[in-house]
C-alpha atoms as a PDB file:
ATOM      1  CA  MET A   1     -15.156  27.061 -70.951  1.00  0.00           C
ATOM      2  CA  MET A   2     -14.599  26.907 -67.180  1.00  0.00           C
ATOM      3  CA  LYS A   3     -17.373  28.083 -65.210  1.00  0.00           C
ATOM      4  CA  LYS A   4     -16.338  31.467 -62.469  1.00  0.00           C
ATOM      5  CA  ILE A   5     -16.582  30.299 -58.811  1.00  0.00           C
ATOM      6  CA  MET A   6     -18.804  32.577 -57.552  1.00  0.00           C
ATOM      7  CA  ASN A   7     -19.052  31.519 -54.217  1.00  0.00           C
ATOM      8  CA  VAL A   8     -15.830  32.095 -51.262  1.00  0.00           C
ATOM      9  CA  ARG A   9     -17.326  28.264 -49.870  1.00  0.00           C
ATOM     10  CA  VAL A  10     -17.169  26.804 -53.196  1.00  0.00           C
ATOM     11  CA  ALA A  11     -13.464  27.837 -52.609  1.00  0.00           C
ATOM     12  CA  ALA A  12     -12.717  26.496 -49.636  1.00  0.00           C
ATOM     13  CA  VAL A  13     -14.417  23.227 -50.568  1.00  0.00           C
ATOM     14  CA  ALA A  14     -12.051  22.641 -53.527  1.00  0.00           C
ATOM     15  CA  LEU A  15      -8.862  24.039 -51.577  1.00  0.00           C
ATOM     16  CA  ALA A  16     -10.064  21.449 -48.544  1.00  0.00           C
ATOM     17  CA  ALA A  17     -10.021  18.641 -51.316  1.00  0.00           C
ATOM     18  CA  SER A  18      -6.345  19.027 -52.293  1.00  0.00           C
ATOM     19  CA  ALA A  19      -5.798  19.433 -48.904  1.00  0.00           C
ATOM     20  CA  LEU A  20      -6.781  16.020 -48.159  1.00  0.00           C
ATOM     21  CA  ILE A  21      -5.374  14.442 -51.639  1.00  0.00           C
ATOM     22  CA  ALA A  22      -2.058  16.000 -49.745  1.00  0.00           C
ATOM     23  CA  ALA A  23      -3.044  15.185 -46.709  1.00  0.00           C
ATOM     24  CA  PRO A  24      -2.211  10.686 -46.805  1.00  0.00           C
ATOM     25  CA  ALA A  25       1.532  12.128 -47.609  1.00  0.00           C
ATOM     26  CA  MET A  26       1.555  13.200 -44.242  1.00  0.00           C
ATOM     27  CA  ALA A  27      -0.172  10.405 -42.106  1.00  0.00           C
ATOM     28  CA  ASP A  28       2.662   8.951 -40.734  1.00  0.00           C
ATOM     29  CA  PRO A  29       4.200  11.760 -38.852  1.00  0.00           C
ATOM     30  CA  ALA A  30       6.247  10.565 -35.273  1.00  0.00           C
ATOM     31  CA  ARG A  31       4.670   9.312 -32.959  1.00  0.00           C
ATOM     32  CA  GLY A  32       3.017  12.193 -30.586  1.00  0.00           C
ATOM     33  CA  SER A  33       3.714  14.772 -33.217  1.00  0.00           C
ATOM     34  CA  ILE A  34       1.116  16.867 -34.963  1.00  0.00           C
ATOM     35  CA  ALA A  35       1.474  17.000 -38.915  1.00  0.00           C
ATOM     36  CA  GLN A  36      -0.343  20.468 -39.882  1.00  0.00           C
ATOM     37  CA  LEU A  37      -1.090  21.739 -43.977  1.00  0.00           C
ATOM     38  CA  GLU A  38      -2.640  24.908 -44.457  1.00  0.00           C
ATOM     39  CA  THR A  39      -3.808  26.616 -47.627  1.00  0.00           C
ATOM     40  CA  ARG A  40      -4.376  30.502 -47.994  1.00  0.00           C
ATOM     41  CA  LEU A  41      -6.666  31.352 -50.211  1.00  0.00           C
ATOM     42  CA  GLY A  42      -6.816  35.900 -49.704  1.00  0.00           C
ATOM     43  CA  ALA A  43      -8.017  37.033 -45.984  1.00  0.00           C
ATOM     44  CA  THR A  44      -9.534  33.301 -45.767  1.00  0.00           C
ATOM     45  CA  GLY A  45      -7.588  30.005 -45.429  1.00  0.00           C
ATOM     46  CA  LEU A  46      -7.648  26.378 -44.738  1.00  0.00           C
ATOM     47  CA  SER A  47      -5.890  24.540 -41.907  1.00  0.00           C
ATOM     48  CA  ILE A  48      -5.672  20.598 -41.320  1.00  0.00           C
ATOM     49  CA  GLN A  49      -4.065  18.789 -38.227  1.00  0.00           C
ATOM     50  CA  ILE A  50      -3.609  15.359 -38.507  1.00  0.00           C
ATOM     51  CA  ALA A  51      -2.020  13.764 -35.238  1.00  0.00           C
ATOM     52  CA  HIS A  52      -0.880  10.173 -35.177  1.00  0.00           C
ATOM     53  CA  LYS A  53      -2.476   8.220 -31.975  1.00  0.00           C
ATOM     54  CA  ALA A  54      -2.105   4.689 -30.539  1.00  0.00           C
ATOM     55  CA  PRO A  55      -5.555   2.875 -31.225  1.00  0.00           C
ATOM     56  CA  THR A  56      -7.716   2.829 -28.547  1.00  0.00           C
ATOM     57  CA  GLY A  57      -9.765  -0.472 -29.148  1.00  0.00           C
ATOM     58  CA  ARG A  58     -12.710  -1.472 -27.395  1.00  0.00           C
ATOM     59  CA  HIS A  59     -13.355   0.978 -24.407  1.00  0.00           C
ATOM     60  CA  GLY A  60     -10.055   3.030 -24.560  1.00  0.00           C
ATOM     61  CA  ARG A  61      -8.453  -0.166 -22.547  1.00  0.00           C
ATOM     62  CA  TYR A  62      -5.917  -0.418 -25.103  1.00  0.00           C
ATOM     63  CA  ARG A  63      -2.115   0.693 -23.739  1.00  0.00           C
ATOM     64  CA  ALA A  64       1.085   0.174 -24.520  1.00  0.00           C
ATOM     65  CA  ASN A  65       3.788   0.771 -22.260  1.00  0.00           C
ATOM     66  CA  GLN A  66       7.315   2.648 -22.825  1.00  0.00           C
ATOM     67  CA  TRP A  67       8.429  -1.256 -24.516  1.00  0.00           C
ATOM     68  CA  GLY A  68       5.248  -1.786 -25.906  1.00  0.00           C
ATOM     69  CA  GLN A  69       4.041  -4.142 -24.493  1.00  0.00           C
ATOM     70  CA  SER A  70      -0.211  -4.200 -23.811  1.00  0.00           C
ATOM     71  CA  LEU A  71      -1.568  -4.099 -20.426  1.00  0.00           C
ATOM     72  CA  ARG A  72      -2.014  -8.215 -20.593  1.00  0.00           C
ATOM     73  CA  GLN A  73       1.710  -8.592 -21.355  1.00  0.00           C
ATOM     74  CA  GLU A  74       3.193  -7.034 -18.966  1.00  0.00           C
ATOM     75  CA  ARG A  75       0.590  -8.517 -16.116  1.00  0.00           C
ATOM     76  CA  GLN A  76       2.053 -11.718 -17.384  1.00  0.00           C
ATOM     77  CA  LEU A  77       5.678 -10.576 -17.365  1.00  0.00           C
ATOM     78  CA  ARG A  78       5.263  -9.663 -13.836  1.00  0.00           C
ATOM     79  CA  ARG A  79       3.584 -12.407 -12.214  1.00  0.00           C
ATOM     80  CA  ASN A  80       6.428 -14.473 -14.055  1.00  0.00           C
ATOM     81  CA  ALA A  81       8.782 -12.246 -11.956  1.00  0.00           C
ATOM     82  CA  VAL A  82       7.193 -12.807  -9.082  1.00  0.00           C
ATOM     83  CA  GLN A  83       6.980 -16.423  -8.849  1.00  0.00           C
ATOM     84  CA  ALA A  84      10.676 -16.533 -10.116  1.00  0.00           C
ATOM     85  CA  CYS A  85      11.600 -14.074  -7.285  1.00  0.00           C
ATOM     86  CA  ARG A  86       9.906 -16.304  -4.420  1.00  0.00           C
ATOM     87  CA  ALA A  87      10.835 -19.599  -5.781  1.00  0.00           C
ATOM     88  CA  ALA A  88      14.862 -17.961  -5.352  1.00  0.00           C
ATOM     89  CA  ILE A  89      14.098 -16.620  -2.066  1.00  0.00           C
ATOM     90  CA  SER A  90      12.873 -19.658  -0.761  1.00  0.00           C
ATOM     91  CA  ARG A  91      15.542 -21.459  -2.165  1.00  0.00           C
ATOM     92  CA  THR A  92      18.616 -19.180  -1.421  1.00  0.00           C
ATOM     93  CA  ALA A  93      16.595 -19.237   2.765  1.00  0.00           C
ATOM     94  CA  TRP A  94      16.531 -23.257   3.129  1.00  0.00           C
ATOM     95  CA  ARG A  95      20.220 -23.586   2.250  1.00  0.00           C
ATOM     96  CA  ALA A  96      20.707 -20.489   4.064  1.00  0.00           C
ATOM     97  CA  GLY A  97      18.810 -22.465   7.014  1.00  0.00           C
ATOM     98  CA  PHE A  98      15.822 -20.983   7.695  1.00  0.00           C
ATOM     99  CA  HIS A  99      12.945 -23.598   7.485  1.00  0.00           C
ATOM    100  CA  ASP A 100      10.176 -21.520   6.652  1.00  0.00           C
ATOM    101  CA  VAL A 101       9.947 -18.596   4.456  1.00  0.00           C
ATOM    102  CA  ASP A 102       6.577 -16.090   4.838  1.00  0.00           C
ATOM    103  CA  PHE A 103       5.658 -13.738   2.095  1.00  0.00           C
ATOM    104  CA  ASP A 104       3.064 -10.871   2.622  1.00  0.00           C
ATOM    105  CA  ASP A 105       1.434  -9.549  -0.197  1.00  0.00           C
ATOM    106  CA  ASP A 106       2.886  -5.618   0.493  1.00  0.00           C
ATOM    107  CA  ARG A 107       5.494  -6.246  -2.732  1.00  0.00           C
ATOM    108  CA  ARG A 108       6.462  -3.118  -4.954  1.00  0.00           C
ATOM    109  CA  ILE A 109       7.158  -3.789  -8.996  1.00  0.00           C
ATOM    110  CA  GLN A 110       8.994  -1.506 -10.939  1.00  0.00           C
ATOM    111  CA  GLN A 111       9.833  -2.744 -14.434  1.00  0.00           C
ATOM    112  CA  ILE A 112      13.469  -1.563 -15.313  1.00  0.00           C
ATOM    113  CA  GLY A 113      13.552  -2.837 -19.422  1.00  0.00           C
ATOM    114  CA  PRO A 114      11.042  -5.006 -21.751  1.00  0.00           C
ATOM    115  CA  ASN A 115      12.131  -8.135 -19.853  1.00  0.00           C
ATOM    116  CA  GLY A 116      13.530  -7.117 -16.576  1.00  0.00           C
ATOM    117  CA  PHE A 117      12.402  -5.744 -13.159  1.00  0.00           C
ATOM    118  CA  ARG A 118      13.177  -4.894  -9.735  1.00  0.00           C
ATOM    119  CA  ILE A 119      10.594  -6.175  -7.138  1.00  0.00           C
ATOM    120  CA  ARG A 120      10.677  -5.374  -3.588  1.00  0.00           C
ATOM    121  CA  PHE A 121       9.360  -7.858  -1.223  1.00  0.00           C
ATOM    122  CA  ASP A 122       8.513  -5.782   2.034  1.00  0.00           C
ATOM    123  CA  ASP A 123       8.634  -7.923   5.847  1.00  0.00           C
ATOM    124  CA  VAL A 124       9.904 -11.760   4.379  1.00  0.00           C
ATOM    125  CA  GLU A 125       9.454 -13.466   7.627  1.00  0.00           C
ATOM    126  CA  PHE A 126      12.130 -16.230   7.772  1.00  0.00           C
ATOM    127  CA  GLU A 127      11.823 -18.681  10.155  1.00  0.00           C
ATOM    128  CA  ASN A 128      14.355 -21.605  12.167  1.00  0.00           C
ATOM    129  CA  ARG A 129      14.142 -23.291  14.927  1.00  0.00           C
ATOM    130  CA  ARG A 130      15.199 -20.736  17.203  1.00  0.00           C
ATOM    131  CA  ARG A 131      13.372 -17.448  15.977  1.00  0.00           C
ATOM    132  CA  GLU A 132      11.988 -15.907  13.218  1.00  0.00           C
ATOM    133  CA  ARG A 133      13.631 -12.648  11.419  1.00  0.00           C
ATOM    134  CA  GLU A 134      11.581 -10.057   9.030  1.00  0.00           C
ATOM    135  CA  ARG A 135      13.677  -8.442   6.179  1.00  0.00           C
ATOM    136  CA  ASP A 136      12.942  -6.521   2.954  1.00  0.00           C
ATOM    137  CA  VAL A 137      14.216  -8.374   0.243  1.00  0.00           C
ATOM    138  CA  THR A 138      14.647  -6.905  -3.039  1.00  0.00           C
ATOM    139  CA  CYS A 139      15.106  -8.960  -6.040  1.00  0.00           C
ATOM    140  CA  LEU A 140      16.208  -8.425  -9.703  1.00  0.00           C
ATOM    141  CA  VAL A 141      14.438 -10.657 -12.800  1.00  0.00           C
ATOM    142  CA  ARG A 142      15.795 -10.251 -16.017  1.00  0.00           C
ATOM    143  CA  ARG A 143      14.419 -12.292 -18.572  1.00  0.00           C
ATOM    144  CA  GLY A 144      12.580 -14.074 -16.381  1.00  0.00           C
ATOM    145  CA  GLN A 145      15.891 -15.400 -14.298  1.00  0.00           C
ATOM    146  CA  VAL A 146      16.491 -13.927 -11.124  1.00  0.00           C
ATOM    147  CA  ALA A 147      20.007 -11.659 -12.002  1.00  0.00           C
ATOM    148  CA  ARG A 148      20.622 -10.534  -8.001  1.00  0.00           C
ATOM    149  CA  LEU A 149      19.195 -11.146  -4.347  1.00  0.00           C
ATOM    150  CA  ASP A 150      19.833  -8.545  -1.660  1.00  0.00           C
ATOM    151  CA  GLY A 151      18.233  -8.916   1.878  1.00  0.00           C
ATOM    152  CA  ILE A 152      18.140 -12.499   3.000  1.00  0.00           C
ATOM    153  CA  PRO A 153      19.991 -13.092   6.566  1.00  0.00           C
ATOM    154  CA  GLN A 154      22.119 -14.895   7.649  1.00  0.00           C
ATOM    155  CA  THR A 155      21.657 -17.882  10.223  1.00  0.00           C
ATOM    156  CA  GLY A 156      23.521 -17.997  13.679  1.00  0.00           C
ATOM    157  CA  GLN A 157      27.368 -19.280  12.500  1.00  0.00           C
ATOM    158  CA  ALA A 158      28.599 -20.808  15.620  1.00  0.00           C
ATOM    159  CA  ARG A 159      31.777 -18.039  16.888  1.00  0.00           C
ATOM    160  CA  ASN A 160      35.493 -18.324  16.942  1.00  0.00           C
ATOM    161  CA  ARG A 161      35.447 -21.134  14.146  1.00  0.00           C
ATOM    162  CA  GLY A 162      38.934 -21.344  12.167  1.00  0.00           C
ATOM    163  CA  GLN A 163      38.822 -22.277   8.750  1.00  0.00           C
ATOM    164  CA  ASN A 164      38.118 -25.497   8.382  1.00  0.00           C
ATOM    165  CA  GLY A 165      35.272 -25.038  11.002  1.00  0.00           C
ATOM    166  CA  HIS A 166      37.308 -26.097  14.175  1.00  0.00           C
ATOM    167  CA  SER A 167      37.661 -24.241  17.055  1.00  0.00           C
ATOM    168  CA  ARG A 168      40.557 -23.064  18.472  1.00  0.00           C
ATOM    169  CA  TYR A 169      40.146 -24.760  21.933  1.00  0.00           C
ATOM    170  CA  GLY A 170      39.072 -28.463  20.436  1.00  0.00           C
ATOM    171  CA  TYR A 171      35.815 -28.746  20.888  1.00  0.00           C
END
């Protein structure tokens, strides 16, 4: 023979137990959403909300960007992208006739994909024998390789040259 439930609190605990048994089925909602389970018993009721939050790790330092990369992975990818851009800028400037390239620490890095970055170097100084030029250089890195480079100045080429490099006046 079953005993009658005498107390409303005991009934609430019984309903909570049944709700907690059903909760694992709802434990994996879409990221950022909240699953809710409600049970009504007469004038009283029980409501359970389950939220899916990313693990925070020690001291809440774990963070993932929109591509699922941790702070350490993102920092390593940024460092590799900046090094690739600096090397490409120096190499391209050398080919254009500049002997020295000076980079300031003023740069803006924007991540545009899981392995893509847009880097803008402010006031890169290009030096050749005659003068110095300062330009803003933008670099696009995809999968660790430089895909596009904009802003490198051209050296002063001789004027009035024909197609084969000779002037029209014979000298």
